[in-house]
Amino acid sequence: MNALIVPQWPLPKGVAAYSSTRIGGVSLPPYDSLNLGAQCGDSPGRVEENRERLC
């Protein structure tokens, strides 16, 4: 599901917010998700790929 969440409140000028899930990453178990943390033991290359997918 790729539903867009639209805020129901006014955002101040210059403020942006994003939300993500852990679906769609390239990490292998036990990090088999969209892992973005480089300090947990996941492959640095996979973490970088996950970060690129987020943007």
N, C-alpha and C. Protein backbone atom coordinates (compact mmCIF):
# COMPACT_ATOMS: atom_id res chain seq x y z
N MET A 1 0.85 -1.18 0.00
CA MET A 1 0.00 0.00 0.00
C MET A 1 0.89 1.24 0.00
N ASN A 2 0.63 2.15 -0.90
CA ASN A 2 1.40 3.38 -1.01
C ASN A 2 0.50 4.59 -0.78
N ALA A 3 -0.22 4.59 0.31
CA ALA A 3 -1.13 5.70 0.61
C ALA A 3 -0.34 6.92 1.05
N LEU A 4 -0.76 8.05 0.57
CA LEU A 4 -0.16 9.32 0.96
C LEU A 4 -0.88 9.84 2.19
N ILE A 5 -0.12 10.20 3.20
CA ILE A 5 -0.70 10.76 4.42
C ILE A 5 -0.61 12.28 4.32
N VAL A 6 -1.74 12.92 4.34
CA VAL A 6 -1.79 14.38 4.22
C VAL A 6 -2.07 14.97 5.60
N PRO A 7 -1.25 15.91 6.07
CA PRO A 7 -1.48 16.48 7.39
C PRO A 7 -2.80 17.24 7.44
N GLN A 8 -3.43 17.18 8.57
CA GLN A 8 -4.70 17.87 8.79
C GLN A 8 -4.49 19.14 9.61
N TRP A 9 -3.31 19.69 9.56
CA TRP A 9 -3.00 20.90 10.29
C TRP A 9 -2.09 21.76 9.40
N PRO A 10 -2.05 23.05 9.62
CA PRO A 10 -1.19 23.91 8.81
C PRO A 10 0.28 23.73 9.23
N LEU A 11 1.14 23.55 8.26
CA LEU A 11 2.57 23.48 8.53
C LEU A 11 3.17 24.88 8.47
N PRO A 12 4.03 25.20 9.39
CA PRO A 12 4.71 26.49 9.31
C PRO A 12 5.56 26.57 8.04
N LYS A 13 5.75 27.75 7.52
CA LYS A 13 6.56 27.95 6.32
C LYS A 13 7.95 27.36 6.54
N GLY A 14 8.43 26.62 5.56
CA GLY A 14 9.76 26.04 5.62
C GLY A 14 9.84 24.70 6.32
N VAL A 15 8.71 24.18 6.78
CA VAL A 15 8.69 22.88 7.47
C VAL A 15 8.16 21.82 6.52
N ALA A 16 8.86 20.71 6.43
CA ALA A 16 8.42 19.56 5.65
C ALA A 16 8.52 18.33 6.53
N ALA A 17 7.63 17.40 6.34
CA ALA A 17 7.66 16.17 7.13
C ALA A 17 7.46 14.98 6.21
N TYR A 18 8.13 13.89 6.51
CA TYR A 18 8.03 12.67 5.73
C TYR A 18 7.85 11.50 6.67
N SER A 19 7.19 10.48 6.19
CA SER A 19 6.99 9.26 6.95
C SER A 19 7.32 8.08 6.04
N SER A 20 7.88 7.04 6.59
CA SER A 20 8.21 5.87 5.78
C SER A 20 7.83 4.60 6.54
N THR A 21 7.90 3.49 5.82
CA THR A 21 7.73 2.18 6.44
C THR A 21 9.04 1.43 6.28
N ARG A 22 9.09 0.22 6.75
CA ARG A 22 10.29 -0.59 6.60
C ARG A 22 10.17 -1.54 5.40
N ILE A 23 9.18 -1.31 4.55
CA ILE A 23 8.92 -2.15 3.39
C ILE A 23 9.77 -1.68 2.21
N GLY A 24 10.37 -2.62 1.48
CA GLY A 24 11.03 -2.28 0.24
C GLY A 24 12.54 -2.16 0.29
N GLY A 25 13.16 -2.57 1.36
CA GLY A 25 14.60 -2.48 1.46
C GLY A 25 15.33 -3.67 0.85
N VAL A 26 16.65 -3.58 0.82
CA VAL A 26 17.48 -4.63 0.24
C VAL A 26 18.27 -5.41 1.29
N SER A 27 18.12 -5.07 2.56
CA SER A 27 18.88 -5.74 3.61
C SER A 27 18.44 -7.19 3.78
N LEU A 28 19.38 -8.01 4.22
CA LEU A 28 19.13 -9.43 4.48
C LEU A 28 18.83 -9.65 5.96
N PRO A 29 18.21 -10.79 6.31
CA PRO A 29 17.94 -11.08 7.73
C PRO A 29 19.23 -10.99 8.55
N PRO A 30 19.16 -10.52 9.74
CA PRO A 30 17.97 -10.13 10.49
C PRO A 30 17.55 -8.68 10.25
N TYR A 31 18.10 -8.04 9.24
CA TYR A 31 17.78 -6.63 8.94
C TYR A 31 16.90 -6.53 7.70
N ASP A 32 16.19 -7.60 7.36
CA ASP A 32 15.46 -7.69 6.08
C ASP A 32 14.27 -6.74 6.02
N SER A 33 14.62 -5.51 5.77
CA SER A 33 13.64 -4.43 5.69
C SER A 33 14.36 -3.22 5.11
N LEU A 34 13.73 -2.09 5.21
CA LEU A 34 14.34 -0.84 4.76
C LEU A 34 15.17 -0.28 5.92
N ASN A 35 16.19 -1.03 6.31
CA ASN A 35 17.05 -0.61 7.42
C ASN A 35 17.87 0.60 7.01
N LEU A 36 17.84 1.64 7.82
CA LEU A 36 18.58 2.87 7.53
C LEU A 36 19.71 3.12 8.51
N GLY A 37 19.87 2.23 9.50
CA GLY A 37 20.87 2.42 10.54
C GLY A 37 22.17 1.70 10.24
N ALA A 38 23.25 2.45 10.09
CA ALA A 38 24.55 1.87 9.77
C ALA A 38 25.23 1.26 10.99
N GLN A 39 24.78 1.57 12.19
CA GLN A 39 25.47 1.13 13.40
C GLN A 39 24.98 -0.21 13.93
N CYS A 40 24.06 -0.89 13.25
CA CYS A 40 23.46 -2.10 13.81
C CYS A 40 24.10 -3.40 13.32
N GLY A 41 25.03 -3.34 12.38
CA GLY A 41 25.66 -4.55 11.89
C GLY A 41 25.25 -4.93 10.48
N ASP A 42 24.35 -4.18 9.87
CA ASP A 42 23.94 -4.42 8.49
C ASP A 42 25.09 -4.03 7.56
N SER A 43 25.07 -4.55 6.36
CA SER A 43 26.08 -4.22 5.36
C SER A 43 26.01 -2.73 5.02
N PRO A 44 27.13 -2.00 5.08
CA PRO A 44 27.11 -0.57 4.74
C PRO A 44 26.57 -0.30 3.34
N GLY A 45 26.86 -1.18 2.39
CA GLY A 45 26.35 -1.01 1.03
C GLY A 45 24.85 -1.14 0.96
N ARG A 46 24.30 -2.08 1.72
CA ARG A 46 22.84 -2.25 1.74
C ARG A 46 22.16 -1.07 2.44
N VAL A 47 22.78 -0.58 3.51
CA VAL A 47 22.22 0.59 4.20
C VAL A 47 22.21 1.78 3.24
N GLU A 48 23.28 1.98 2.49
CA GLU A 48 23.35 3.08 1.53
C GLU A 48 22.27 2.93 0.46
N GLU A 49 22.09 1.71 -0.06
CA GLU A 49 21.04 1.46 -1.06
C GLU A 49 19.67 1.75 -0.47
N ASN A 50 19.42 1.33 0.76
CA ASN A 50 18.14 1.61 1.41
C ASN A 50 17.92 3.12 1.54
N ARG A 51 18.96 3.84 1.91
CA ARG A 51 18.84 5.30 2.05
C ARG A 51 18.54 5.95 0.71
N GLU A 52 19.17 5.46 -0.35
CA GLU A 52 18.91 5.99 -1.70
C GLU A 52 17.47 5.71 -2.11
N ARG A 53 16.95 4.54 -1.77
CA ARG A 53 15.57 4.21 -2.10
C ARG A 53 14.59 5.12 -1.37
N LEU A 54 14.94 5.55 -0.19
CA LEU A 54 14.06 6.43 0.58
C LEU A 54 13.92 7.79 -0.10
N CYS A 55 14.99 8.27 -0.69
CA CYS A 55 14.95 9.59 -1.34
C CYS A 55 14.41 9.42 -2.72
